[in-house]
């Protein structure tokens, strides 16, 4: 199962971005999704940096397996999950 989060509609609302990111991570775990696609968009790159900082937090990092950046589209990130 793959989930998708497009941050375009809330790109300038910091608190909502964190809430949306936490929500999609929690949903992925609840539904045992193996992949979450996060779309911060291309723009200046600030939103992508914010997303990466969020994902690098110790308590969040413990929840997923790895992150990949899309080689062809730098406006997308993929977060992968593993379940035992």
Protein backbone atom coordinates (compact mmCIF):
# COMPACT_ATOMS: atom_id res chain seq x y z
CA UNK A 1 0.00 0.00 0.00
CA UNK A 2 1.22 3.47 -0.89
CA UNK A 3 0.00 6.74 0.65
CA UNK A 4 0.46 10.24 -0.72
CA UNK A 5 0.68 13.67 0.92
CA UNK A 6 0.67 16.80 -1.23
CA UNK A 7 1.81 19.85 0.76
CA UNK A 8 0.98 22.43 -1.92
CA UNK A 9 -2.30 23.56 -0.28
CA UNK A 10 -0.62 24.27 3.10
CA UNK A 11 2.91 25.25 2.01
CA UNK A 12 2.95 28.44 4.12
CA UNK A 13 1.38 27.14 7.34
CA UNK A 14 4.14 25.62 9.50
CA UNK A 15 1.98 24.09 12.22
CA UNK A 16 -0.34 22.45 9.72
CA UNK A 17 2.61 21.02 7.82
CA UNK A 18 3.95 19.29 10.94
CA UNK A 19 0.46 18.02 11.78
CA UNK A 20 -0.06 16.69 8.21
CA UNK A 21 3.34 14.98 8.23
CA UNK A 22 2.72 13.35 11.60
CA UNK A 23 -0.76 12.33 10.44
CA UNK A 24 0.48 10.60 7.28
CA UNK A 25 3.23 8.77 9.22
CA UNK A 26 0.68 7.59 11.80
CA UNK A 27 -1.73 6.54 9.04
CA UNK A 28 1.02 4.60 7.25
CA UNK A 29 1.83 2.70 10.43
CA UNK A 30 -1.84 2.08 11.23
CA UNK A 31 -2.53 0.76 7.71
CA UNK A 32 0.88 -0.95 7.41
CA UNK A 33 1.67 1.02 4.24
CA UNK A 34 5.11 0.31 2.82
CA UNK A 35 5.58 3.69 1.16
CA UNK A 36 4.52 7.31 1.62
CA UNK A 37 5.06 9.83 -1.17
CA UNK A 38 5.43 13.38 0.13
CA UNK A 39 5.19 16.23 -2.36
CA UNK A 40 6.64 19.46 -1.00
CA UNK A 41 6.96 20.81 -4.55
CA UNK A 42 9.96 22.35 -6.25
CA UNK A 43 9.87 26.05 -5.37
CA UNK A 44 12.78 27.47 -3.37
CA UNK A 45 13.45 24.18 -1.57
CA UNK A 46 12.57 25.55 1.88
CA UNK A 47 9.52 23.33 2.31
CA UNK A 48 11.50 20.24 1.31
CA UNK A 49 14.15 21.17 3.89
CA UNK A 50 11.43 21.56 6.53
CA UNK A 51 10.03 18.13 5.65
CA UNK A 52 13.49 16.54 5.87
CA UNK A 53 14.14 18.22 9.25
CA UNK A 54 10.82 16.85 10.49
CA UNK A 55 11.67 13.34 9.28
CA UNK A 56 15.14 13.49 10.88
CA UNK A 57 13.73 14.03 14.39
CA UNK A 58 14.79 11.12 16.59
CA UNK A 59 11.26 10.02 17.54
CA UNK A 60 10.03 10.23 13.93
CA UNK A 61 13.11 8.56 12.42
CA UNK A 62 12.49 5.52 14.63
CA UNK A 63 9.13 4.96 12.87
CA UNK A 64 10.32 4.46 9.28
CA UNK A 65 13.00 2.48 7.44
CA UNK A 66 14.48 4.95 4.94
CA UNK A 67 13.93 8.06 2.79
CA UNK A 68 14.58 8.42 -0.95
CA UNK A 69 14.57 11.58 -3.01
CA UNK A 70 13.11 11.26 -6.50
CA UNK A 71 16.03 11.47 -8.94
CA UNK A 72 13.85 12.78 -11.78
CA UNK A 73 11.66 15.16 -9.78
CA UNK A 74 13.29 16.98 -6.86
CA UNK A 75 9.83 18.03 -5.63
CA UNK A 76 9.06 14.54 -4.28
CA UNK A 77 10.27 12.40 -1.38
CA UNK A 78 9.53 8.78 -0.60
CA UNK A 79 9.44 7.39 2.93
CA UNK A 80 9.63 3.60 3.22
CA UNK A 81 8.38 1.47 6.10
CA UNK A 82 9.21 -2.09 7.16
CA UNK A 83 7.04 -4.31 9.32
CA UNK A 84 7.90 -7.54 11.11
